[in-house]
């Protein structure tokens, strides 16, 4: 077996064993953070739109429930994917914490919206919409800070 084949075998074994490698450098880690924030913002905005439509009687409760559940379900893989990437150096740790906190905040806001929608709780939906607005703004600010 030559060096290239040995390296390929080692990389394949690492991938199959679930090993998570660090990002190559801070730039790559920042790009991962940007992608995670963009995906999270998309789900948060979707939830906001659904809640707004529900409050305006432009969508049915079951359709809102499905959409909100899907948005909530989509957040988990975003968090898992970004959370498994090791920051390449200690100065990237704060970015990791910030992004994971924002993802968690979005997940909580979407869950609150789903719960209020299932209960038909108008005040809860209004509160959830405000929470989704707040999280969206926080994510947009974080995105701006990365540019």
N, C-alpha and C. Protein backbone atom coordinates (compact mmCIF):
# COMPACT_ATOMS: atom_id res chain seq x y z
N UNK A 1 0.86 -1.17 0.00
CA UNK A 1 0.00 0.00 0.00
C UNK A 1 0.91 1.24 0.00
N UNK A 2 0.65 2.14 -0.93
CA UNK A 2 1.47 3.36 -0.96
C UNK A 2 0.92 4.40 0.00
N UNK A 3 1.64 5.52 0.12
CA UNK A 3 1.24 6.58 1.08
C UNK A 3 -0.15 7.13 0.81
N UNK A 4 -0.44 7.37 -0.44
CA UNK A 4 -1.75 7.93 -0.80
C UNK A 4 -2.87 6.98 -0.40
N UNK A 5 -2.70 5.69 -0.65
CA UNK A 5 -3.71 4.72 -0.27
C UNK A 5 -3.85 4.63 1.25
N UNK A 6 -2.72 4.69 1.94
CA UNK A 6 -2.76 4.64 3.40
C UNK A 6 -3.49 5.86 3.97
N UNK A 7 -3.19 7.04 3.43
CA UNK A 7 -3.86 8.25 3.88
C UNK A 7 -5.35 8.18 3.60
N UNK A 8 -5.71 7.68 2.42
CA UNK A 8 -7.12 7.52 2.07
C UNK A 8 -7.83 6.57 3.02
N UNK A 9 -7.17 5.49 3.38
CA UNK A 9 -7.75 4.52 4.30
C UNK A 9 -7.95 5.14 5.68
N UNK A 10 -6.95 5.91 6.14
CA UNK A 10 -7.07 6.56 7.45
C UNK A 10 -8.20 7.57 7.47
N UNK A 11 -8.32 8.37 6.41
CA UNK A 11 -9.39 9.36 6.35
C UNK A 11 -10.76 8.69 6.30
N UNK A 12 -10.86 7.60 5.53
CA UNK A 12 -12.13 6.87 5.46
C UNK A 12 -12.50 6.29 6.82
N UNK A 13 -11.51 5.73 7.49
CA UNK A 13 -11.78 5.16 8.81
C UNK A 13 -12.22 6.24 9.79
N UNK A 14 -11.58 7.40 9.73
CA UNK A 14 -11.96 8.50 10.63
C UNK A 14 -13.38 8.95 10.34
N UNK A 15 -13.73 9.07 9.06
CA UNK A 15 -15.07 9.51 8.70
C UNK A 15 -16.12 8.51 9.15
N UNK A 16 -15.84 7.23 8.96
CA UNK A 16 -16.80 6.21 9.34
C UNK A 16 -16.93 6.06 10.85
N UNK A 17 -15.90 6.39 11.59
CA UNK A 17 -15.96 6.25 13.04
C UNK A 17 -16.62 7.45 13.71
N UNK A 18 -16.99 8.47 12.93
CA UNK A 18 -17.65 9.63 13.49
C UNK A 18 -16.69 10.65 14.05
N UNK A 19 -15.41 10.50 13.77
CA UNK A 19 -14.42 11.46 14.23
C UNK A 19 -14.72 12.83 13.62
N UNK A 20 -14.57 13.84 14.41
CA UNK A 20 -14.78 15.19 13.91
C UNK A 20 -13.45 15.92 13.93
N UNK A 21 -13.05 16.37 12.78
CA UNK A 21 -11.78 17.09 12.68
C UNK A 21 -12.02 18.57 12.90
N UNK A 22 -10.99 19.28 13.33
CA UNK A 22 -11.15 20.73 13.46
C UNK A 22 -11.25 21.37 12.08
N UNK A 23 -11.82 22.56 12.03
CA UNK A 23 -11.81 23.31 10.78
C UNK A 23 -10.35 23.56 10.43
N UNK A 24 -10.06 23.66 9.16
CA UNK A 24 -8.68 23.83 8.68
C UNK A 24 -8.04 25.09 9.25
N UNK A 25 -8.82 26.18 9.28
CA UNK A 25 -8.31 27.44 9.81
C UNK A 25 -9.49 28.30 10.26
N UNK A 26 -9.20 29.45 10.80
CA UNK A 26 -10.26 30.33 11.30
C UNK A 26 -11.20 30.78 10.19
N UNK A 27 -10.66 30.98 9.00
CA UNK A 27 -11.51 31.37 7.87
C UNK A 27 -12.54 30.31 7.54
N UNK A 28 -12.11 29.06 7.52
CA UNK A 28 -13.04 27.96 7.25
C UNK A 28 -14.07 27.84 8.36
N UNK A 29 -13.63 28.02 9.59
CA UNK A 29 -14.55 27.95 10.73
C UNK A 29 -15.59 29.06 10.65
N UNK A 30 -15.15 30.25 10.28
CA UNK A 30 -16.07 31.38 10.13
C UNK A 30 -17.08 31.10 9.04
N UNK A 31 -16.65 30.51 7.93
CA UNK A 31 -17.58 30.15 6.84
C UNK A 31 -18.61 29.14 7.35
N UNK A 32 -18.17 28.17 8.15
CA UNK A 32 -19.12 27.21 8.73
C UNK A 32 -20.13 27.93 9.61
N UNK A 33 -19.65 28.89 10.39
CA UNK A 33 -20.54 29.66 11.26
C UNK A 33 -21.55 30.45 10.42
N UNK A 34 -21.07 31.07 9.35
CA UNK A 34 -21.98 31.84 8.47
C UNK A 34 -23.06 30.95 7.88
N UNK A 35 -22.67 29.75 7.44
CA UNK A 35 -23.66 28.83 6.86
C UNK A 35 -24.69 28.39 7.91
N UNK A 36 -24.21 28.11 9.10
CA UNK A 36 -25.13 27.70 10.17
C UNK A 36 -26.10 28.82 10.52
N UNK A 37 -25.60 30.04 10.57
CA UNK A 37 -26.48 31.19 10.87
C UNK A 37 -27.48 31.42 9.75
N UNK A 38 -27.04 31.30 8.51
CA UNK A 38 -27.94 31.50 7.38
C UNK A 38 -29.07 30.47 7.40
N UNK A 39 -28.73 29.22 7.66
CA UNK A 39 -29.75 28.17 7.71
C UNK A 39 -30.70 28.40 8.89
N UNK A 40 -30.15 28.78 10.01
CA UNK A 40 -30.99 29.04 11.19
C UNK A 40 -31.91 30.23 10.95
N UNK A 41 -31.40 31.27 10.33
CA UNK A 41 -32.22 32.44 10.03
C UNK A 41 -33.35 32.07 9.08
N UNK A 42 -33.07 31.23 8.12
CA UNK A 42 -34.11 30.80 7.19
C UNK A 42 -35.26 30.10 7.92
N UNK A 43 -34.93 29.21 8.82
CA UNK A 43 -35.97 28.49 9.58
C UNK A 43 -36.72 29.44 10.50
N UNK A 44 -36.00 30.39 11.08
CA UNK A 44 -36.63 31.36 11.99
C UNK A 44 -37.60 32.26 11.23
N UNK A 45 -37.18 32.71 10.06
CA UNK A 45 -38.06 33.55 9.23
C UNK A 45 -39.27 32.76 8.73
N UNK A 46 -39.06 31.51 8.41
CA UNK A 46 -40.19 30.67 7.99
C UNK A 46 -41.21 30.59 9.11
N UNK A 47 -40.73 30.34 10.32
CA UNK A 47 -41.64 30.26 11.48
C UNK A 47 -42.36 31.58 11.69
N UNK A 48 -41.64 32.68 11.55
CA UNK A 48 -42.26 34.01 11.71
C UNK A 48 -43.38 34.20 10.68
N UNK A 49 -43.11 33.84 9.45
CA UNK A 49 -44.12 33.96 8.39
C UNK A 49 -45.34 33.11 8.71
N UNK A 50 -45.11 31.89 9.15
CA UNK A 50 -46.22 30.99 9.49
C UNK A 50 -47.07 31.58 10.62
N UNK A 51 -46.42 32.08 11.65
CA UNK A 51 -47.15 32.66 12.77
C UNK A 51 -47.95 33.88 12.30
N UNK A 52 -47.34 34.72 11.49
CA UNK A 52 -48.04 35.90 10.97
C UNK A 52 -49.26 35.50 10.15
N UNK A 53 -49.08 34.47 9.32
CA UNK A 53 -50.20 34.00 8.50
C UNK A 53 -51.31 33.39 9.37
N UNK A 54 -50.92 32.69 10.40
CA UNK A 54 -51.90 32.10 11.31
C UNK A 54 -52.68 33.19 12.05
N UNK A 55 -51.97 34.21 12.51
CA UNK A 55 -52.63 35.32 13.21
C UNK A 55 -53.56 36.10 12.28
N UNK A 56 -53.29 36.08 10.99
CA UNK A 56 -54.12 36.78 10.00
C UNK A 56 -55.18 35.86 9.40
N UNK A 57 -55.31 34.65 9.93
CA UNK A 57 -56.26 33.66 9.41
C UNK A 57 -56.05 33.35 7.94
N UNK A 58 -54.78 33.32 7.52
CA UNK A 58 -54.46 33.01 6.12
C UNK A 58 -53.88 31.62 5.97
N UNK A 59 -53.79 30.89 7.07
CA UNK A 59 -53.31 29.52 7.06
C UNK A 59 -54.07 28.77 8.15
N UNK A 60 -54.30 27.50 7.92
CA UNK A 60 -55.03 26.70 8.91
C UNK A 60 -54.09 26.26 10.03
N UNK A 61 -54.66 25.92 11.15
CA UNK A 61 -53.89 25.43 12.29
C UNK A 61 -53.05 24.20 11.94
N UNK A 62 -53.65 23.19 11.28
CA UNK A 62 -52.85 22.00 10.93
C UNK A 62 -51.69 22.32 9.98
N UNK A 63 -51.91 23.21 9.03
CA UNK A 63 -50.82 23.58 8.11
C UNK A 63 -49.72 24.33 8.87
N UNK A 64 -50.13 25.22 9.78
CA UNK A 64 -49.16 25.94 10.59
C UNK A 64 -48.38 24.97 11.47
N UNK A 65 -49.07 24.02 12.07
CA UNK A 65 -48.41 23.05 12.93
C UNK A 65 -47.36 22.27 12.15
N UNK A 66 -47.70 21.83 10.96
CA UNK A 66 -46.76 21.08 10.13
C UNK A 66 -45.54 21.94 9.78
N UNK A 67 -45.79 23.17 9.36
CA UNK A 67 -44.69 24.05 8.98
C UNK A 67 -43.78 24.38 10.15
N UNK A 68 -44.38 24.66 11.29
CA UNK A 68 -43.59 24.98 12.48
C UNK A 68 -42.82 23.76 12.98
N UNK A 69 -43.44 22.60 12.93
CA UNK A 69 -42.74 21.37 13.33
C UNK A 69 -41.56 21.10 12.40
N UNK A 70 -41.76 21.32 11.11
CA UNK A 70 -40.66 21.12 10.15
C UNK A 70 -39.52 22.09 10.41
N UNK A 71 -39.85 23.34 10.69
CA UNK A 71 -38.81 24.34 10.98
C UNK A 71 -38.05 23.95 12.24
N UNK A 72 -38.79 23.52 13.25
CA UNK A 72 -38.15 23.11 14.50
C UNK A 72 -37.26 21.89 14.29
N UNK A 73 -37.74 20.93 13.51
CA UNK A 73 -36.95 19.73 13.22
C UNK A 73 -35.68 20.05 12.43
N UNK A 74 -35.73 21.07 11.61
CA UNK A 74 -34.57 21.43 10.79
C UNK A 74 -33.44 22.05 11.61
N UNK A 75 -33.76 22.61 12.76
CA UNK A 75 -32.75 23.27 13.59
C UNK A 75 -31.78 22.26 14.20
N UNK A 76 -32.27 21.11 14.59
CA UNK A 76 -31.41 20.11 15.24
C UNK A 76 -30.18 19.74 14.42
N UNK A 77 -30.35 19.39 13.15
CA UNK A 77 -29.18 19.05 12.34
C UNK A 77 -28.22 20.22 12.12
N UNK A 78 -28.75 21.43 12.10
CA UNK A 78 -27.87 22.61 11.96
C UNK A 78 -26.97 22.69 13.18
N UNK A 79 -27.57 22.56 14.35
CA UNK A 79 -26.81 22.62 15.60
C UNK A 79 -25.81 21.47 15.69
N UNK A 80 -26.26 20.29 15.35
CA UNK A 80 -25.38 19.11 15.43
C UNK A 80 -24.20 19.25 14.48
N UNK A 81 -24.48 19.68 13.28
CA UNK A 81 -23.42 19.80 12.27
C UNK A 81 -22.39 20.85 12.68
N UNK A 82 -22.85 22.03 13.08
CA UNK A 82 -21.90 23.07 13.46
C UNK A 82 -21.22 22.72 14.78
N UNK A 83 -21.96 22.17 15.70
CA UNK A 83 -21.42 21.86 17.02
C UNK A 83 -20.31 20.83 17.00
N UNK A 84 -20.30 19.99 15.99
CA UNK A 84 -19.28 18.95 15.90
C UNK A 84 -17.96 19.44 15.31
N UNK A 85 -17.97 20.61 14.71
CA UNK A 85 -16.74 21.14 14.13
C UNK A 85 -15.93 21.79 15.24
N UNK A 86 -14.74 21.30 15.43
CA UNK A 86 -13.89 21.85 16.48
C UNK A 86 -13.26 23.16 16.00
N UNK A 87 -13.32 24.19 16.83
CA UNK A 87 -12.65 25.43 16.45
C UNK A 87 -11.15 25.18 16.29
N UNK A 88 -10.54 25.76 15.26
CA UNK A 88 -9.12 25.50 15.01
C UNK A 88 -8.19 26.07 16.07
N UNK A 89 -8.62 27.11 16.77
CA UNK A 89 -7.78 27.67 17.82
C UNK A 89 -8.67 28.32 18.88
N UNK A 90 -8.12 28.57 20.05
CA UNK A 90 -8.93 29.08 21.16
C UNK A 90 -9.67 30.38 20.88
N UNK A 91 -9.14 31.24 20.03
CA UNK A 91 -9.84 32.51 19.77
C UNK A 91 -11.15 32.31 19.00
N UNK A 92 -11.35 31.11 18.44
CA UNK A 92 -12.61 30.81 17.75
C UNK A 92 -13.67 30.24 18.69
N UNK A 93 -13.30 29.96 19.92
CA UNK A 93 -14.25 29.39 20.88
C UNK A 93 -15.45 30.30 21.13
N UNK A 94 -15.22 31.60 21.21
CA UNK A 94 -16.32 32.53 21.47
C UNK A 94 -17.30 32.56 20.30
N UNK A 95 -16.79 32.44 19.07
CA UNK A 95 -17.68 32.38 17.91
C UNK A 95 -18.52 31.12 17.97
N UNK A 96 -17.91 30.02 18.33
CA UNK A 96 -18.66 28.76 18.45
C UNK A 96 -19.78 28.90 19.48
N UNK A 97 -19.44 29.45 20.64
CA UNK A 97 -20.47 29.63 21.69
C UNK A 97 -21.59 30.54 21.21
N UNK A 98 -21.23 31.63 20.56
CA UNK A 98 -22.23 32.59 20.10
C UNK A 98 -23.18 31.95 19.08
N UNK A 99 -22.62 31.24 18.11
CA UNK A 99 -23.46 30.62 17.08
C UNK A 99 -24.36 29.55 17.69
N UNK A 100 -23.81 28.71 18.54
CA UNK A 100 -24.63 27.66 19.16
C UNK A 100 -25.72 28.25 20.05
N UNK A 101 -25.42 29.35 20.72
CA UNK A 101 -26.44 30.02 21.54
C UNK A 101 -27.56 30.57 20.65
N UNK A 102 -27.21 31.18 19.54
CA UNK A 102 -28.22 31.71 18.62
C UNK A 102 -29.07 30.59 18.02
N UNK A 103 -28.45 29.48 17.70
CA UNK A 103 -29.21 28.33 17.17
C UNK A 103 -30.19 27.84 18.24
N UNK A 104 -29.73 27.74 19.47
CA UNK A 104 -30.60 27.30 20.57
C UNK A 104 -31.73 28.30 20.81
N UNK A 105 -31.42 29.58 20.75
CA UNK A 105 -32.45 30.61 20.91
C UNK A 105 -33.52 30.48 19.82
N UNK A 106 -33.07 30.24 18.60
CA UNK A 106 -34.02 30.08 17.48
C UNK A 106 -34.87 28.84 17.70
N UNK A 107 -34.25 27.76 18.12
CA UNK A 107 -34.99 26.53 18.37
C UNK A 107 -36.06 26.74 19.44
N UNK A 108 -35.71 27.44 20.50
CA UNK A 108 -36.68 27.72 21.57
C UNK A 108 -37.81 28.60 21.09
N UNK A 109 -37.48 29.62 20.30
CA UNK A 109 -38.52 30.53 19.79
C UNK A 109 -39.48 29.79 18.86
N UNK A 110 -38.94 28.92 18.02
CA UNK A 110 -39.80 28.15 17.11
C UNK A 110 -40.67 27.18 17.92
N UNK A 111 -40.10 26.56 18.94
CA UNK A 111 -40.89 25.65 19.78
C UNK A 111 -42.03 26.39 20.47
N UNK A 112 -41.74 27.59 20.97
CA UNK A 112 -42.80 28.39 21.59
C UNK A 112 -43.91 28.70 20.59
N UNK A 113 -43.54 28.99 19.36
CA UNK A 113 -44.53 29.26 18.33
C UNK A 113 -45.37 28.02 18.04
N UNK A 114 -44.71 26.87 17.95
CA UNK A 114 -45.43 25.62 17.68
C UNK A 114 -46.42 25.32 18.81
N UNK A 115 -45.98 25.48 20.04
CA UNK A 115 -46.84 25.21 21.19
C UNK A 115 -48.05 26.14 21.19
N UNK A 116 -47.81 27.41 20.96
CA UNK A 116 -48.91 28.38 20.93
C UNK A 116 -49.87 28.07 19.79
N UNK A 117 -49.32 27.68 18.64
CA UNK A 117 -50.17 27.35 17.50
C UNK A 117 -51.05 26.15 17.80
N UNK A 118 -50.49 25.14 18.39
CA UNK A 118 -51.28 23.93 18.72
C UNK A 118 -52.36 24.23 19.74
N UNK A 119 -52.10 25.17 20.61
CA UNK A 119 -53.09 25.53 21.63
C UNK A 119 -54.10 26.55 21.13
N UNK A 120 -53.85 27.14 19.97
CA UNK A 120 -54.72 28.21 19.50
C UNK A 120 -54.61 29.44 20.37
N UNK A 121 -53.45 29.63 20.98
CA UNK A 121 -53.19 30.70 21.93
C UNK A 121 -52.74 31.97 21.19
N UNK A 122 -53.68 32.89 20.98
CA UNK A 122 -53.40 34.10 20.21
C UNK A 122 -52.33 34.97 20.89
N UNK A 123 -52.46 35.17 22.20
CA UNK A 123 -51.45 35.96 22.92
C UNK A 123 -50.09 35.27 22.85
N UNK A 124 -50.08 33.96 22.97
CA UNK A 124 -48.84 33.19 22.87
C UNK A 124 -48.22 33.30 21.48
N UNK A 125 -49.07 33.33 20.45
CA UNK A 125 -48.56 33.48 19.08
C UNK A 125 -47.95 34.85 18.87
N UNK A 126 -48.60 35.87 19.43
CA UNK A 126 -48.04 37.22 19.31
C UNK A 126 -46.69 37.31 20.03
N UNK A 127 -46.63 36.72 21.19
CA UNK A 127 -45.37 36.71 21.95
C UNK A 127 -44.30 35.92 21.19
N UNK A 128 -44.70 34.79 20.62
CA UNK A 128 -43.75 33.97 19.85
C UNK A 128 -43.24 34.73 18.63
N UNK A 129 -44.14 35.46 17.98
CA UNK A 129 -43.72 36.25 16.81
C UNK A 129 -42.69 37.30 17.21
N UNK A 130 -42.91 37.94 18.36
CA UNK A 130 -41.94 38.92 18.85
C UNK A 130 -40.61 38.24 19.17
N UNK A 131 -40.66 37.06 19.76
CA UNK A 131 -39.45 36.31 20.05
C UNK A 131 -38.70 35.92 18.78
N UNK A 132 -39.44 35.52 17.76
CA UNK A 132 -38.83 35.17 16.48
C UNK A 132 -38.19 36.40 15.84
N UNK A 133 -38.85 37.56 15.96
CA UNK A 133 -38.27 38.81 15.47
C UNK A 133 -36.94 39.10 16.16
N UNK A 134 -36.94 38.96 17.47
CA UNK A 134 -35.75 39.25 18.26
C UNK A 134 -34.59 38.33 17.89
N UNK A 135 -34.87 37.04 17.78
CA UNK A 135 -33.83 36.08 17.41
C UNK A 135 -33.31 36.37 16.01
N UNK A 136 -34.22 36.66 15.09
CA UNK A 136 -33.81 36.98 13.72
C UNK A 136 -32.86 38.18 13.71
N UNK A 137 -33.20 39.20 14.47
CA UNK A 137 -32.33 40.39 14.55
C UNK A 137 -30.96 40.04 15.13
N UNK A 138 -30.95 39.21 16.15
CA UNK A 138 -29.68 38.79 16.76
C UNK A 138 -28.82 38.01 15.76
N UNK A 139 -29.47 37.14 15.00
CA UNK A 139 -28.73 36.37 13.99
C UNK A 139 -28.19 37.29 12.90
N UNK A 140 -29.01 38.23 12.45
CA UNK A 140 -28.56 39.18 11.41
C UNK A 140 -27.38 40.00 11.91
N UNK A 141 -27.41 40.39 13.17
CA UNK A 141 -26.29 41.14 13.74
C UNK A 141 -25.03 40.30 13.75
N UNK A 142 -25.17 39.05 14.17
CA UNK A 142 -24.01 38.14 14.19
C UNK A 142 -23.46 37.94 12.78
N UNK A 143 -24.35 37.82 11.80
CA UNK A 143 -23.89 37.67 10.42
C UNK A 143 -23.11 38.91 9.98
N UNK A 144 -23.63 40.07 10.33
CA UNK A 144 -22.94 41.32 10.00
C UNK A 144 -21.57 41.40 10.65
N UNK A 145 -21.46 40.92 11.86
CA UNK A 145 -20.19 40.93 12.58
C UNK A 145 -19.15 40.02 11.91
N UNK A 146 -19.63 39.00 11.21
CA UNK A 146 -18.70 38.07 10.56
C UNK A 146 -18.20 38.56 9.21
N UNK A 147 -18.85 39.57 8.68
CA UNK A 147 -18.46 40.07 7.34
C UNK A 147 -17.41 41.13 7.45
